[in-house]
Amino acid sequence: MVRETSVTKEKSSTGKPGFSSKYSYIRAISCIAIIALHTVFSSLLVYQKGLTELQVMGSRIVVNNLMWAVPCFFMVSGALLLDRRREMPYKKLFTKYIGKMLLVILIFTLIYSVSDMLLNGQPGFGGALLEGIYKAFTDTSWSHMWYLYTLIGIYLMLPLYKKMIQGCTEKDIWYLLAIFFIFLSLFPLLEMFGVSFGVKIPAATIYPFWFFLGYALKGQDRGRAVPAVFFSVGTLGLILFTILRWTLPMEGMEQLFAYSSPVVILQAMGLYLLLYSIPVHKKGWLHKVLVWIDRRSFGIYLVHLIFIRWGLRFFHINPYGLGIGSPLFLALFVLGVLVLSGAVVFILQKIPGVNKLI
């Protein structure tokens, strides 16, 4: 039975309607998972030639089982921004949200270009800046920037999404989610077998699905048993499919590890609900740590890959170099990147003007 908890009526310190500390927990844990995902994936790219097949497959299993992190961010955003009580006039949308995101993309793409210049020795500083401006407008900068471009697309559609929510019943929302799931998650899997389903949903991607799913799950405590089953089945499925992908020459199976994958959806939804079920204890140390990370999660997302790249490529840190101790070293590497990124963002947030961007 679905029950509304009193926590969902909590407001943040800024008075945003519908905010709950539970969303801080989800974003903070997702932020840590993203660092872990990028650490393992980047380490795999740099040191793959010196790894055994078992190490490579194990790393892919870890990466594929961390794909829930970004969807959880989208779900939290959907739960908050689609709230019926939250107004979103066009001026606020284009200045506070879209304008800010465009500025962040430009600034950090320039920073990444300079970082590449220093790591690779080319091009010169002026060339790096020009290249950064080009990359900012063409989405050819560092791979994790895709999330910001996708957010802009979501923001552009937000006024229409909110109109849809206002005119929809709960049944309508679940109908929409079912259509998204069937046409954007299930039917594309047929392409693994060379079959293309004829009916399409025009101009649709999976990301609005995550956005609306967050709204549909808003303020609902579904217990822990069913979400735990969802998460376990999704996780075991991803492990099994990763092993199968390693043994079968079917490139189409990569769809099973994408954000549109049914098993990723099952896993992410289950974990999202499990994290939402964590009780809020505002005086506890864990609450304070997670809220601290959440308030800097956007900035951490922007800067963490700099520390990962420099650690792996400039300082030649090999997380796989300790043999049986490699998993522990990887965990310590992730923790180090989290601490360094959090410290940098903490300092940047003290600078007037910069604090409004990150």
Protein backbone atom coordinates (compact mmCIF):
# COMPACT_ATOMS: atom_id res chain seq x y z
CA MET A 1 0.00 0.00 0.00
CA VAL A 2 1.34 3.44 -0.92
CA ARG A 3 1.42 5.85 1.99
CA GLU A 4 2.34 9.54 2.17
CA THR A 5 4.99 10.28 4.79
CA SER A 6 5.22 13.45 6.81
CA VAL A 7 8.78 13.93 5.65
CA THR A 8 7.64 14.69 2.11
CA LYS A 9 5.95 17.86 3.31
CA GLU A 10 9.25 19.19 4.62
CA LYS A 11 10.66 22.31 2.99
CA SER A 12 14.28 23.13 2.44
CA SER A 13 16.01 26.06 4.08
CA THR A 14 15.22 28.05 0.95
CA GLY A 15 11.53 27.24 1.21
CA LYS A 16 11.32 25.19 -1.97
CA PRO A 17 8.02 23.28 -1.99
CA GLY A 18 8.14 19.53 -1.86
CA PHE A 19 11.79 19.31 -0.83
CA SER A 20 12.85 16.55 1.55
CA SER A 21 16.22 15.70 3.06
CA LYS A 22 15.67 12.29 1.48
CA TYR A 23 16.42 13.90 -1.89
CA SER A 24 19.72 15.14 -0.48
CA TYR A 25 20.56 11.57 0.47
CA ILE A 26 19.76 10.29 -3.03
CA ARG A 27 21.79 13.02 -4.76
CA ALA A 28 24.76 12.67 -2.43
CA ILE A 29 24.97 8.89 -2.81
CA SER A 30 24.46 9.22 -6.57
CA CYS A 31 27.29 11.76 -6.69
CA ILE A 32 29.64 9.28 -5.00
CA ALA A 33 28.50 6.56 -7.41
CA ILE A 34 29.25 8.78 -10.42
CA ILE A 35 32.81 9.35 -9.16
CA ALA A 36 33.20 5.59 -8.73
CA LEU A 37 31.81 4.92 -12.20
CA HIS A 38 34.13 7.43 -13.88
CA THR A 39 37.12 6.24 -11.84
CA VAL A 40 36.70 2.61 -12.82
CA PHE A 41 35.83 3.39 -16.45
CA SER A 42 38.74 5.82 -16.88
CA SER A 43 41.15 3.41 -15.20
CA LEU A 44 39.97 0.70 -17.55
CA LEU A 45 40.63 2.90 -20.59
CA VAL A 46 44.14 3.83 -19.44
CA TYR A 47 45.36 0.46 -18.16
CA GLN A 48 43.25 -2.07 -20.09
CA LYS A 49 46.17 -3.47 -22.10
CA GLY A 50 47.90 -4.64 -18.93
CA LEU A 51 44.84 -6.28 -17.36
CA THR A 52 43.66 -9.86 -17.37
CA GLU A 53 40.32 -10.70 -18.97
CA LEU A 54 38.87 -11.31 -15.51
CA GLN A 55 39.93 -7.83 -14.36
CA VAL A 56 38.42 -6.22 -17.44
CA MET A 57 35.15 -8.10 -17.10
CA GLY A 58 35.00 -7.34 -13.37
CA SER A 59 35.52 -3.65 -14.10
CA ARG A 60 32.76 -3.67 -16.70
CA ILE A 61 30.43 -5.32 -14.19
CA VAL A 62 31.15 -2.52 -11.72
CA VAL A 63 30.62 0.20 -14.35
CA ASN A 64 27.38 -1.31 -15.62
CA ASN A 65 26.05 -1.63 -12.07
CA LEU A 66 26.61 2.06 -11.41
CA MET A 67 24.47 3.28 -14.30
CA TRP A 68 21.65 4.06 -11.85
CA ALA A 69 23.42 7.19 -10.57
CA VAL A 70 22.50 9.70 -13.29
CA PRO A 71 18.88 8.47 -13.56
CA CYS A 72 18.53 9.08 -9.82
CA PHE A 73 19.60 12.70 -10.38
CA PHE A 74 16.99 13.04 -13.12
CA MET A 75 14.32 11.52 -10.88
CA VAL A 76 15.06 13.96 -8.06
CA SER A 77 14.94 16.86 -10.52
CA GLY A 78 11.60 15.64 -11.86
CA ALA A 79 10.16 15.24 -8.38
CA LEU A 80 11.11 18.82 -7.49
CA LEU A 81 10.69 20.78 -10.72
CA LEU A 82 7.41 19.18 -11.75
CA ASP A 83 5.85 19.83 -8.33
CA ARG A 84 2.45 21.43 -8.99
CA ARG A 85 3.12 24.05 -6.30
CA ARG A 86 6.40 25.18 -7.86
CA GLU A 87 6.03 28.05 -10.30
CA MET A 88 8.41 28.39 -13.22
CA PRO A 89 7.94 31.69 -15.10
CA TYR A 90 9.85 31.97 -18.38
CA LYS A 91 12.17 34.69 -17.07
CA LYS A 92 13.28 32.48 -14.19
CA LEU A 93 13.61 29.49 -16.50
CA PHE A 94 15.90 31.25 -18.97
CA THR A 95 17.99 33.21 -16.47
CA LYS A 96 18.35 30.98 -13.43
CA TYR A 97 18.30 27.60 -15.15
CA ILE A 98 19.15 27.69 -18.86
CA GLY A 99 21.38 30.78 -18.73
CA LYS A 100 23.31 29.41 -15.77
CA MET A 101 23.80 26.05 -17.47
CA LEU A 102 25.10 27.65 -20.68
CA LEU A 103 27.59 29.74 -18.72
CA VAL A 104 28.77 26.72 -16.75
CA ILE A 105 29.24 24.74 -19.98
CA LEU A 106 31.35 27.52 -21.52
CA ILE A 107 33.52 28.10 -18.42
CA PHE A 108 34.22 24.47 -17.67
CA THR A 109 34.76 23.48 -21.28
CA LEU A 110 37.50 26.13 -21.35
CA ILE A 111 38.94 24.71 -18.12
CA TYR A 112 38.93 21.20 -19.58
CA SER A 113 40.64 22.44 -22.76
CA VAL A 114 43.41 24.03 -20.72
CA SER A 115 43.72 20.80 -18.73
CA ASP A 116 44.07 18.84 -21.98
CA MET A 117 46.68 21.33 -23.18
CA LEU A 118 48.76 20.76 -20.04
CA LEU A 119 48.36 16.98 -20.13
CA ASN A 120 48.97 16.53 -23.85
CA GLY A 121 51.29 19.44 -24.53
CA GLN A 122 49.08 20.78 -27.31
CA PRO A 123 47.77 23.17 -28.49
CA GLY A 124 49.01 26.49 -27.03
CA PHE A 125 47.01 28.43 -24.44
CA GLY A 126 45.29 30.63 -27.03
CA GLY A 127 44.49 27.61 -29.15
CA ALA A 128 43.14 25.79 -26.11
CA LEU A 129 40.73 28.65 -25.39
CA LEU A 130 39.51 28.78 -29.00
CA GLU A 131 39.14 25.02 -29.03
CA GLY A 132 37.23 25.21 -25.75
CA ILE A 133 34.75 27.73 -27.20
CA TYR A 134 34.21 25.48 -30.22
CA LYS A 135 33.70 22.42 -28.04
CA ALA A 136 31.26 24.28 -25.80
CA PHE A 137 28.91 24.86 -28.72
CA THR A 138 29.35 21.45 -30.34
CA ASP A 139 29.23 19.14 -27.30
CA THR A 140 32.65 17.70 -28.08
CA SER A 141 34.26 18.39 -24.71
CA TRP A 142 34.75 15.85 -21.93
CA SER A 143 32.21 13.06 -22.02
CA HIS A 144 30.41 13.82 -18.73
CA MET A 145 29.25 17.19 -20.06
CA TRP A 146 26.43 15.46 -21.97
CA TYR A 147 24.40 15.67 -18.76
CA LEU A 148 24.39 19.48 -18.85
CA TYR A 149 23.29 19.64 -22.49
CA THR A 150 20.52 17.16 -21.73
CA LEU A 151 19.40 19.26 -18.76
CA ILE A 152 19.07 22.29 -21.05
CA GLY A 153 16.83 20.25 -23.33
CA ILE A 154 14.72 19.20 -20.34
CA TYR A 155 14.54 22.80 -19.12
CA LEU A 156 13.38 24.02 -22.54
CA MET A 157 10.50 21.56 -22.39
CA LEU A 158 9.78 22.16 -18.69
CA PRO A 159 6.90 24.67 -19.11
CA LEU A 160 5.10 22.16 -21.33
CA TYR A 161 5.90 19.27 -19.02
CA LYS A 162 4.41 21.21 -16.11
CA LYS A 163 1.25 21.91 -18.14
CA MET A 164 1.00 18.19 -18.82
CA ILE A 165 1.32 17.41 -15.11
CA GLN A 166 -1.36 19.95 -14.19
CA GLY A 167 -3.82 18.37 -16.60
CA CYS A 168 -2.97 14.74 -15.84
CA THR A 169 -4.30 12.33 -13.28
CA GLU A 170 -1.98 9.85 -11.59
CA LYS A 171 -3.29 7.21 -14.01
CA ASP A 172 -2.36 9.45 -16.96
CA ILE A 173 1.20 9.82 -15.66
CA TRP A 174 1.66 6.07 -15.34
CA TYR A 175 0.20 5.62 -18.83
CA LEU A 176 2.80 8.06 -20.18
CA LEU A 177 5.55 6.19 -18.34
CA ALA A 178 4.32 2.89 -19.74
CA ILE A 179 4.42 4.28 -23.29
CA PHE A 180 7.94 5.62 -22.74
CA PHE A 181 9.07 2.31 -21.24
CA ILE A 182 7.64 0.16 -24.04
CA PHE A 183 8.78 2.29 -26.99
CA LEU A 184 12.07 3.67 -25.62
CA SER A 185 13.28 0.75 -23.52
CA LEU A 186 11.73 -2.56 -24.58
CA PHE A 187 11.22 -2.26 -28.34
CA PRO A 188 14.76 -0.96 -29.07
CA LEU A 189 16.09 -4.26 -27.67
CA LEU A 190 14.70 -5.96 -30.77
CA GLU A 191 17.53 -4.35 -32.71
CA MET A 192 19.89 -6.85 -31.08
CA PHE A 193 18.25 -9.44 -33.31
CA GLY A 194 18.10 -7.24 -36.40
CA VAL A 195 14.43 -6.33 -35.90
CA SER A 196 13.23 -2.72 -35.95
CA PHE A 197 9.72 -2.08 -34.64
CA GLY A 198 7.79 0.13 -37.06
CA VAL A 199 5.90 2.42 -34.66
CA LYS A 200 8.02 5.19 -33.14
CA ILE A 201 7.47 7.96 -30.59
CA PRO A 202 8.66 11.07 -32.49
CA ALA A 203 11.39 13.25 -30.95
CA ALA A 204 11.56 11.19 -27.76
CA THR A 205 14.51 10.12 -25.60
CA ILE A 206 14.58 8.15 -22.37
CA TYR A 207 15.42 11.16 -20.18
CA PRO A 208 11.88 12.58 -19.90
CA PHE A 209 10.91 9.09 -18.69
CA TRP A 210 13.28 9.44 -15.74
CA PHE A 211 12.03 12.98 -15.13
CA PHE A 212 8.36 11.94 -15.01
CA LEU A 213 9.17 8.78 -13.06
CA GLY A 214 10.68 10.92 -10.30
CA TYR A 215 7.46 12.91 -10.16
CA ALA A 216 5.31 9.75 -10.16
CA LEU A 217 7.28 8.34 -7.21
CA LYS A 218 7.25 11.65 -5.33
CA GLY A 219 6.43 11.38 -1.65
CA GLN A 220 5.62 7.70 -1.81
CA ASP A 221 6.90 5.20 0.71
CA ARG A 222 6.48 1.78 -0.85
CA GLY A 223 8.29 -0.06 1.90
CA ARG A 224 11.55 -1.85 1.26
CA ALA A 225 10.62 -5.35 0.15
CA VAL A 226 9.44 -4.59 -3.40
CA PRO A 227 12.18 -1.97 -4.12
CA ALA A 228 14.78 -4.45 -2.81
CA VAL A 229 13.47 -7.08 -5.24
CA PHE A 230 13.59 -4.57 -8.12
CA PHE A 231 17.15 -3.56 -7.25
CA SER A 232 18.34 -7.15 -6.78
CA VAL A 233 16.81 -8.41 -10.02
CA GLY A 234 18.24 -5.43 -11.92
CA THR A 235 21.68 -5.90 -10.40
CA LEU A 236 21.81 -9.64 -11.01
CA GLY A 237 20.52 -9.06 -14.55
CA LEU A 238 23.28 -6.57 -15.27
CA ILE A 239 25.92 -8.95 -13.93
CA LEU A 240 24.55 -11.82 -16.04
CA PHE A 241 24.22 -9.74 -19.20
CA THR A 242 27.74 -8.33 -18.77
CA ILE A 243 29.14 -11.86 -18.59
CA LEU A 244 27.08 -12.89 -21.63
CA ARG A 245 28.26 -9.82 -23.54
CA TRP A 246 31.80 -10.87 -22.76
CA THR A 247 31.22 -14.28 -24.33
CA LEU A 248 28.80 -13.49 -27.18
CA PRO A 249 29.74 -11.40 -30.27
CA MET A 250 26.59 -9.27 -30.05
CA GLU A 251 27.37 -5.55 -30.00
CA GLY A 252 23.64 -4.83 -29.74
CA MET A 253 23.76 -6.13 -26.17
CA GLU A 254 25.36 -2.83 -25.16
CA GLN A 255 21.81 -1.46 -25.11
CA LEU A 256 21.27 -3.50 -21.96
CA PHE A 257 23.73 -1.25 -20.14
CA ALA A 258 22.34 2.08 -21.36
CA TYR A 259 20.04 4.44 -19.44
CA SER A 260 17.12 3.09 -21.47
CA SER A 261 17.80 -0.54 -20.53
CA PRO A 262 14.91 -2.32 -18.75
CA VAL A 263 17.33 -3.80 -16.22
CA VAL A 264 18.89 -0.39 -15.52
CA ILE A 265 15.40 1.04 -15.08
CA LEU A 266 14.48 -1.77 -12.68
CA GLN A 267 17.69 -1.36 -10.71
CA ALA A 268 17.57 2.46 -10.58
CA MET A 269 13.91 2.61 -9.56
CA GLY A 270 14.46 0.02 -6.83
CA LEU A 271 17.53 1.77 -5.43
CA TYR A 272 15.84 5.19 -5.64
CA LEU A 273 12.96 3.93 -3.49
CA LEU A 274 15.35 2.20 -1.10
CA LEU A 275 17.36 5.39 -0.62
CA TYR A 276 14.13 7.34 -0.19
CA SER A 277 13.18 4.99 2.64
CA ILE A 278 16.23 6.02 4.69
CA PRO A 279 14.92 7.74 7.85
CA VAL A 280 15.91 11.39 8.32
CA HIS A 281 17.90 12.04 11.50
CA LYS A 282 19.03 15.64 11.25
CA LYS A 283 21.34 15.42 14.25
CA GLY A 284 23.16 12.35 12.99
CA TRP A 285 26.63 12.56 11.43
CA LEU A 286 25.54 10.67 8.30
CA HIS A 287 22.79 13.21 7.64
CA LYS A 288 25.27 16.07 7.94
CA VAL A 289 27.81 14.41 5.64
CA LEU A 290 25.25 13.57 2.94
CA VAL A 291 23.68 17.04 3.03
CA TRP A 292 27.17 18.60 2.81
CA ILE A 293 27.95 16.50 -0.27
CA ASP A 294 24.54 17.22 -1.81
CA ARG A 295 24.99 20.99 -1.54
CA ARG A 296 28.19 20.62 -3.54
CA SER A 297 27.14 17.73 -5.79
CA PHE A 298 26.78 19.83 -8.95
CA GLY A 299 30.21 21.38 -8.51
CA ILE A 300 31.72 18.01 -7.62
CA TYR A 301 30.24 16.58 -10.82
CA LEU A 302 31.95 19.34 -12.80
CA VAL A 303 35.44 19.06 -11.29
CA HIS A 304 35.86 15.43 -10.25
CA LEU A 305 36.99 14.19 -13.66
CA ILE A 306 39.90 16.64 -13.59
CA PHE A 307 41.34 14.85 -10.53
CA ILE A 308 40.67 11.44 -12.06
CA ARG A 309 42.43 12.30 -15.33
CA TRP A 310 45.42 13.95 -13.68
CA GLY A 311 45.75 11.12 -11.18
CA LEU A 312 45.72 8.44 -13.86
CA ARG A 313 47.62 10.17 -16.67
CA PHE A 314 49.98 12.67 -15.03
CA PHE A 315 50.79 10.96 -11.72
CA HIS A 316 50.43 7.50 -13.33
CA ILE A 317 48.36 6.11 -10.48
CA ASN A 318 47.40 2.55 -11.39
CA PRO A 319 44.44 1.38 -9.31
CA TYR A 320 45.00 -2.14 -10.61
CA GLY A 321 48.65 -2.26 -9.56
CA LEU A 322 48.06 -3.86 -6.15
CA GLY A 323 46.67 -7.15 -7.41
CA ILE A 324 44.27 -8.54 -4.84
CA GLY A 325 44.26 -5.18 -3.08
CA SER A 326 43.10 -3.30 -6.17
CA PRO A 327 39.41 -3.02 -5.11
CA LEU A 328 40.47 -1.38 -1.84
CA PHE A 329 42.84 0.96 -3.69
CA LEU A 330 40.06 1.89 -6.13
CA ALA A 331 37.79 2.69 -3.20
CA LEU A 332 40.48 4.89 -1.65
CA PHE A 333 41.04 6.60 -5.01
CA VAL A 334 37.31 7.36 -5.24
CA LEU A 335 37.34 8.71 -1.69
CA GLY A 336 40.36 10.88 -2.48
CA VAL A 337 38.69 12.32 -5.58
CA LEU A 338 35.52 13.00 -3.57
CA VAL A 339 37.44 14.79 -0.81
CA LEU A 340 39.56 16.87 -3.22
CA SER A 341 36.58 17.78 -5.38
CA GLY A 342 34.46 18.65 -2.37
CA ALA A 343 37.24 20.82 -0.94
CA VAL A 344 37.70 22.72 -4.22
CA VAL A 345 33.96 23.31 -4.58
CA PHE A 346 33.71 24.38 -0.94
CA ILE A 347 36.34 27.06 -1.60
CA LEU A 348 34.76 28.13 -4.90
CA GLN A 349 31.39 28.53 -3.22
CA LYS A 350 32.95 31.17 -0.98
CA ILE A 351 33.67 33.38 -4.02
CA PRO A 352 30.87 35.84 -4.85
CA GLY A 353 29.37 35.16 -8.26
CA VAL A 354 31.00 31.76 -8.56
CA ASN A 355 28.85 30.45 -5.72
CA LYS A 356 25.73 31.06 -7.84
CA LEU A 357 27.07 28.80 -10.59
CA ILE A 358 28.07 25.77 -8.55
